Amino acid sequence: MTKTITFDDFSKVDIRVGTILEVHDFPEARKPAYQLTIDFGALGVKKTSAQITSLYSKEPLVGKQILAVVNFPKKQIANFQSECLILGAVSGADVILLNPEQYVKNGSTVS
């Protein structure tokens, strides 16, 4: 277990539901990854990279809803600027995406 945080710490993390619109290979990444374009409703469309190539192929990801932290500062990864961080559970060397069980409006908050 890591350090204990307060509820105020947790409330600073803005986790939202989004739908993946596009998935592209990211050959410039150090580890195998995809570039994702995600629709967050009223928050707009954001891009990120994700090291999920071992469990996910590109086509089934399009249209999939995911959870992401949307209030991180932008981060340059190789020649790509990441604007959010998708959430997943780490299982060995693989990342399993977290997603709602039912359809949720894009941009909905997670608490």
N, C-alpha and C. Protein backbone atom coordinates (compact mmCIF):
# COMPACT_ATOMS: atom_id res chain seq x y z
N MET A 1 0.84 -1.18 0.00
CA MET A 1 0.00 0.00 0.00
C MET A 1 0.89 1.24 0.00
N THR A 2 0.42 2.27 -0.70
CA THR A 2 1.18 3.52 -0.76
C THR A 2 0.72 4.45 0.35
N LYS A 3 1.23 5.67 0.32
CA LYS A 3 0.89 6.65 1.34
C LYS A 3 -0.62 6.93 1.37
N THR A 4 -1.13 7.19 2.55
CA THR A 4 -2.53 7.58 2.72
C THR A 4 -2.72 9.02 2.25
N ILE A 5 -3.83 9.25 1.53
CA ILE A 5 -4.15 10.61 1.10
C ILE A 5 -5.44 11.05 1.79
N THR A 6 -5.71 12.32 1.74
CA THR A 6 -6.94 12.85 2.31
C THR A 6 -8.02 12.89 1.23
N PHE A 7 -9.25 13.10 1.67
CA PHE A 7 -10.33 13.24 0.70
C PHE A 7 -10.09 14.47 -0.18
N ASP A 8 -9.51 15.52 0.40
CA ASP A 8 -9.18 16.72 -0.39
C ASP A 8 -8.19 16.38 -1.50
N ASP A 9 -7.21 15.51 -1.20
CA ASP A 9 -6.26 15.08 -2.23
C ASP A 9 -7.01 14.38 -3.36
N PHE A 10 -7.88 13.44 -3.00
CA PHE A 10 -8.63 12.68 -4.00
C PHE A 10 -9.54 13.58 -4.82
N SER A 11 -10.14 14.57 -4.19
CA SER A 11 -11.09 15.44 -4.90
C SER A 11 -10.40 16.29 -5.97
N LYS A 12 -9.09 16.39 -5.93
CA LYS A 12 -8.34 17.14 -6.95
C LYS A 12 -8.20 16.35 -8.25
N VAL A 13 -8.41 15.05 -8.19
CA VAL A 13 -8.26 14.19 -9.36
C VAL A 13 -9.57 14.19 -10.13
N ASP A 14 -9.54 14.66 -11.37
CA ASP A 14 -10.74 14.75 -12.20
C ASP A 14 -10.78 13.54 -13.14
N ILE A 15 -11.57 12.52 -12.76
CA ILE A 15 -11.71 11.31 -13.55
C ILE A 15 -13.01 11.40 -14.32
N ARG A 16 -12.94 11.18 -15.63
CA ARG A 16 -14.11 11.30 -16.49
C ARG A 16 -14.26 10.08 -17.39
N VAL A 17 -15.47 9.89 -17.89
CA VAL A 17 -15.77 8.84 -18.85
C VAL A 17 -15.61 9.43 -20.25
N GLY A 18 -14.98 8.68 -21.12
CA GLY A 18 -14.83 9.10 -22.51
C GLY A 18 -14.96 7.91 -23.45
N THR A 19 -15.20 8.20 -24.71
CA THR A 19 -15.31 7.17 -25.74
C THR A 19 -14.15 7.32 -26.72
N ILE A 20 -13.47 6.21 -26.98
CA ILE A 20 -12.34 6.21 -27.92
C ILE A 20 -12.87 6.40 -29.34
N LEU A 21 -12.37 7.43 -30.02
CA LEU A 21 -12.77 7.74 -31.39
C LEU A 21 -11.80 7.17 -32.42
N GLU A 22 -10.51 7.26 -32.12
CA GLU A 22 -9.48 6.82 -33.07
C GLU A 22 -8.35 6.12 -32.32
N VAL A 23 -7.74 5.15 -32.99
CA VAL A 23 -6.58 4.43 -32.45
C VAL A 23 -5.55 4.31 -33.57
N HIS A 24 -4.32 4.74 -33.27
CA HIS A 24 -3.23 4.67 -34.24
C HIS A 24 -2.01 4.03 -33.59
N ASP A 25 -1.21 3.35 -34.39
CA ASP A 25 0.05 2.84 -33.91
C ASP A 25 0.94 4.01 -33.50
N PHE A 26 1.83 3.75 -32.55
CA PHE A 26 2.75 4.78 -32.06
C PHE A 26 4.17 4.22 -32.10
N PRO A 27 4.74 4.11 -33.31
CA PRO A 27 6.05 3.47 -33.45
C PRO A 27 7.19 4.22 -32.77
N GLU A 28 7.03 5.52 -32.51
CA GLU A 28 8.09 6.30 -31.86
C GLU A 28 8.17 6.07 -30.36
N ALA A 29 7.16 5.45 -29.76
CA ALA A 29 7.17 5.19 -28.32
C ALA A 29 8.25 4.18 -27.96
N ARG A 30 8.84 4.33 -26.77
CA ARG A 30 9.89 3.39 -26.32
C ARG A 30 9.35 1.98 -26.14
N LYS A 31 8.14 1.87 -25.58
CA LYS A 31 7.48 0.58 -25.42
C LYS A 31 6.28 0.57 -26.35
N PRO A 32 5.86 -0.60 -26.84
CA PRO A 32 4.72 -0.65 -27.76
C PRO A 32 3.49 0.08 -27.19
N ALA A 33 2.91 0.96 -27.98
CA ALA A 33 1.78 1.77 -27.52
C ALA A 33 0.91 2.19 -28.69
N TYR A 34 -0.29 2.65 -28.34
CA TYR A 34 -1.20 3.26 -29.31
C TYR A 34 -1.35 4.73 -28.98
N GLN A 35 -1.69 5.52 -29.99
CA GLN A 35 -2.15 6.89 -29.79
C GLN A 35 -3.67 6.84 -29.86
N LEU A 36 -4.33 7.37 -28.83
CA LEU A 36 -5.79 7.34 -28.76
C LEU A 36 -6.35 8.75 -28.81
N THR A 37 -7.47 8.91 -29.50
CA THR A 37 -8.24 10.14 -29.50
C THR A 37 -9.55 9.81 -28.80
N ILE A 38 -9.89 10.59 -27.75
CA ILE A 38 -11.01 10.25 -26.87
C ILE A 38 -11.97 11.43 -26.76
N ASP A 39 -13.26 11.15 -26.89
CA ASP A 39 -14.32 12.16 -26.77
C ASP A 39 -14.80 12.22 -25.32
N PHE A 40 -14.63 13.38 -24.68
CA PHE A 40 -15.09 13.59 -23.31
C PHE A 40 -16.29 14.54 -23.26
N GLY A 41 -17.14 14.49 -24.26
CA GLY A 41 -18.36 15.30 -24.27
C GLY A 41 -18.05 16.77 -24.22
N ALA A 42 -18.67 17.48 -23.25
CA ALA A 42 -18.51 18.92 -23.13
C ALA A 42 -17.06 19.34 -22.86
N LEU A 43 -16.23 18.43 -22.35
CA LEU A 43 -14.81 18.75 -22.12
C LEU A 43 -14.00 18.74 -23.41
N GLY A 44 -14.58 18.18 -24.46
CA GLY A 44 -13.90 18.14 -25.74
C GLY A 44 -13.19 16.83 -26.01
N VAL A 45 -12.38 16.84 -27.03
CA VAL A 45 -11.64 15.66 -27.47
C VAL A 45 -10.20 15.80 -27.00
N LYS A 46 -9.67 14.74 -26.41
CA LYS A 46 -8.29 14.74 -25.91
C LYS A 46 -7.55 13.55 -26.49
N LYS A 47 -6.22 13.68 -26.54
CA LYS A 47 -5.38 12.61 -27.05
C LYS A 47 -4.48 12.09 -25.94
N THR A 48 -4.12 10.81 -26.05
CA THR A 48 -3.19 10.21 -25.11
C THR A 48 -2.53 9.02 -25.77
N SER A 49 -1.49 8.52 -25.15
CA SER A 49 -0.90 7.26 -25.59
C SER A 49 -1.13 6.24 -24.50
N ALA A 50 -1.17 4.97 -24.90
CA ALA A 50 -1.43 3.91 -23.94
C ALA A 50 -0.66 2.66 -24.34
N GLN A 51 0.00 2.05 -23.36
CA GLN A 51 0.75 0.82 -23.58
C GLN A 51 -0.18 -0.37 -23.35
N ILE A 52 -1.10 -0.55 -24.29
CA ILE A 52 -2.12 -1.59 -24.16
C ILE A 52 -2.13 -2.54 -25.34
N THR A 53 -1.05 -2.54 -26.12
CA THR A 53 -1.02 -3.32 -27.35
C THR A 53 -0.98 -4.83 -27.12
N SER A 54 -0.56 -5.27 -25.94
CA SER A 54 -0.47 -6.71 -25.69
C SER A 54 -1.84 -7.37 -25.55
N LEU A 55 -2.84 -6.62 -25.08
CA LEU A 55 -4.17 -7.20 -24.87
C LEU A 55 -5.24 -6.67 -25.82
N TYR A 56 -4.97 -5.54 -26.48
CA TYR A 56 -6.00 -4.90 -27.29
C TYR A 56 -5.51 -4.66 -28.71
N SER A 57 -6.35 -5.00 -29.68
CA SER A 57 -6.07 -4.61 -31.05
C SER A 57 -6.82 -3.30 -31.32
N LYS A 58 -6.45 -2.61 -32.37
CA LYS A 58 -6.97 -1.26 -32.61
C LYS A 58 -8.48 -1.22 -32.87
N GLU A 59 -8.97 -2.04 -33.75
CA GLU A 59 -10.36 -1.94 -34.20
C GLU A 59 -11.38 -2.07 -33.06
N PRO A 60 -11.27 -3.06 -32.17
CA PRO A 60 -12.27 -3.18 -31.10
C PRO A 60 -12.23 -2.04 -30.08
N LEU A 61 -11.13 -1.28 -30.04
CA LEU A 61 -11.05 -0.16 -29.10
C LEU A 61 -11.91 1.02 -29.52
N VAL A 62 -12.12 1.19 -30.83
CA VAL A 62 -12.92 2.31 -31.31
C VAL A 62 -14.37 2.12 -30.85
N GLY A 63 -14.89 3.14 -30.16
CA GLY A 63 -16.24 3.07 -29.61
C GLY A 63 -16.29 2.60 -28.17
N LYS A 64 -15.18 2.14 -27.63
CA LYS A 64 -15.12 1.65 -26.26
C LYS A 64 -15.06 2.83 -25.29
N GLN A 65 -15.84 2.75 -24.23
CA GLN A 65 -15.76 3.77 -23.19
C GLN A 65 -14.67 3.41 -22.19
N ILE A 66 -13.98 4.43 -21.72
CA ILE A 66 -12.88 4.25 -20.77
C ILE A 66 -12.98 5.31 -19.68
N LEU A 67 -12.16 5.17 -18.66
CA LEU A 67 -12.03 6.17 -17.60
C LEU A 67 -10.66 6.81 -17.75
N ALA A 68 -10.59 8.12 -17.51
CA ALA A 68 -9.32 8.81 -17.64
C ALA A 68 -9.25 9.99 -16.70
N VAL A 69 -8.03 10.29 -16.26
CA VAL A 69 -7.76 11.51 -15.51
C VAL A 69 -7.54 12.60 -16.54
N VAL A 70 -8.33 13.68 -16.44
CA VAL A 70 -8.28 14.72 -17.48
C VAL A 70 -7.64 16.02 -17.00
N ASN A 71 -7.20 16.08 -15.75
CA ASN A 71 -6.64 17.35 -15.27
C ASN A 71 -5.14 17.27 -14.96
N PHE A 72 -4.43 16.38 -15.63
CA PHE A 72 -2.97 16.39 -15.59
C PHE A 72 -2.47 17.43 -16.59
N PRO A 73 -1.28 17.98 -16.36
CA PRO A 73 -0.71 18.85 -17.40
C PRO A 73 -0.35 18.01 -18.62
N LYS A 74 -0.31 18.64 -19.78
CA LYS A 74 0.07 17.93 -21.00
C LYS A 74 1.50 17.41 -20.85
N LYS A 75 1.75 16.23 -21.47
CA LYS A 75 3.07 15.61 -21.38
C LYS A 75 3.54 15.20 -22.76
N GLN A 76 4.76 15.59 -23.09
CA GLN A 76 5.35 15.23 -24.37
C GLN A 76 5.91 13.82 -24.29
N ILE A 77 5.45 12.94 -25.18
CA ILE A 77 5.94 11.57 -25.26
C ILE A 77 6.42 11.38 -26.70
N ALA A 78 7.73 11.30 -26.86
CA ALA A 78 8.34 11.27 -28.19
C ALA A 78 7.84 12.47 -28.98
N ASN A 79 7.22 12.26 -30.14
CA ASN A 79 6.74 13.37 -30.97
C ASN A 79 5.25 13.62 -30.78
N PHE A 80 4.70 13.19 -29.64
CA PHE A 80 3.25 13.22 -29.39
C PHE A 80 2.99 13.89 -28.05
N GLN A 81 1.92 14.70 -27.98
CA GLN A 81 1.57 15.35 -26.72
C GLN A 81 0.34 14.69 -26.11
N SER A 82 0.53 14.11 -24.93
CA SER A 82 -0.56 13.44 -24.22
C SER A 82 -1.32 14.46 -23.38
N GLU A 83 -2.67 14.39 -23.44
CA GLU A 83 -3.51 15.37 -22.75
C GLU A 83 -4.32 14.78 -21.60
N CYS A 84 -4.26 13.46 -21.41
CA CYS A 84 -4.98 12.82 -20.32
C CYS A 84 -4.32 11.49 -20.02
N LEU A 85 -4.77 10.80 -18.99
CA LEU A 85 -4.20 9.51 -18.61
C LEU A 85 -5.34 8.51 -18.45
N ILE A 86 -5.40 7.53 -19.36
CA ILE A 86 -6.44 6.51 -19.22
C ILE A 86 -6.08 5.60 -18.05
N LEU A 87 -7.11 5.04 -17.41
CA LEU A 87 -6.91 4.22 -16.23
C LEU A 87 -7.04 2.75 -16.56
N GLY A 88 -6.17 1.97 -15.96
CA GLY A 88 -6.21 0.53 -16.15
C GLY A 88 -5.62 -0.18 -14.95
N ALA A 89 -5.95 -1.43 -14.83
CA ALA A 89 -5.39 -2.28 -13.78
C ALA A 89 -4.19 -3.01 -14.35
N VAL A 90 -3.11 -3.06 -13.60
CA VAL A 90 -1.89 -3.71 -14.05
C VAL A 90 -1.94 -5.17 -13.62
N SER A 91 -1.78 -6.05 -14.60
CA SER A 91 -1.78 -7.49 -14.35
C SER A 91 -0.53 -8.06 -14.99
N GLY A 92 0.50 -8.28 -14.18
CA GLY A 92 1.78 -8.69 -14.73
C GLY A 92 2.36 -7.56 -15.55
N ALA A 93 2.61 -7.81 -16.82
CA ALA A 93 3.13 -6.76 -17.72
C ALA A 93 2.01 -6.11 -18.52
N ASP A 94 0.77 -6.56 -18.33
CA ASP A 94 -0.35 -6.07 -19.12
C ASP A 94 -1.16 -5.02 -18.37
N VAL A 95 -1.82 -4.15 -19.14
CA VAL A 95 -2.74 -3.16 -18.58
C VAL A 95 -4.14 -3.48 -19.10
N ILE A 96 -5.07 -3.64 -18.16
CA ILE A 96 -6.47 -3.93 -18.49
C ILE A 96 -7.26 -2.65 -18.27
N LEU A 97 -7.88 -2.14 -19.33
CA LEU A 97 -8.59 -0.87 -19.24
C LEU A 97 -9.77 -0.94 -18.28
N LEU A 98 -9.97 0.15 -17.53
CA LEU A 98 -11.14 0.27 -16.67
C LEU A 98 -12.24 0.96 -17.48
N ASN A 99 -13.45 0.45 -17.37
CA ASN A 99 -14.55 1.05 -18.12
C ASN A 99 -15.87 0.81 -17.40
N PRO A 100 -16.87 1.67 -17.66
CA PRO A 100 -18.17 1.48 -17.03
C PRO A 100 -18.86 0.22 -17.56
N GLU A 101 -19.67 -0.40 -16.73
CA GLU A 101 -20.40 -1.61 -17.15
C GLU A 101 -21.51 -1.29 -18.13
N GLN A 102 -22.07 -0.08 -18.03
CA GLN A 102 -23.14 0.35 -18.92
C GLN A 102 -22.72 1.66 -19.58
N TYR A 103 -23.41 2.01 -20.67
CA TYR A 103 -23.11 3.28 -21.34
C TYR A 103 -23.33 4.43 -20.37
N VAL A 104 -22.39 5.37 -20.37
CA VAL A 104 -22.45 6.59 -19.57
C VAL A 104 -22.18 7.75 -20.50
N LYS A 105 -22.84 8.87 -20.28
CA LYS A 105 -22.62 10.06 -21.11
C LYS A 105 -21.16 10.48 -21.03
N ASN A 106 -20.56 10.74 -22.20
CA ASN A 106 -19.17 11.19 -22.24
C ASN A 106 -19.00 12.45 -21.41
N GLY A 107 -17.93 12.48 -20.63
CA GLY A 107 -17.64 13.62 -19.76
C GLY A 107 -18.18 13.43 -18.36
N SER A 108 -18.96 12.38 -18.12
CA SER A 108 -19.49 12.15 -16.76
C SER A 108 -18.34 11.98 -15.78
N THR A 109 -18.54 12.48 -14.56
CA THR A 109 -17.50 12.39 -13.55
C THR A 109 -17.54 11.03 -12.86
N VAL A 110 -16.40 10.65 -12.34
CA VAL A 110 -16.27 9.43 -11.55
C VAL A 110 -15.92 9.85 -10.14
N SER A 111 -16.66 9.31 -9.18
CA SER A 111 -16.37 9.68 -7.78
C SER A 111 -16.38 8.46 -6.91
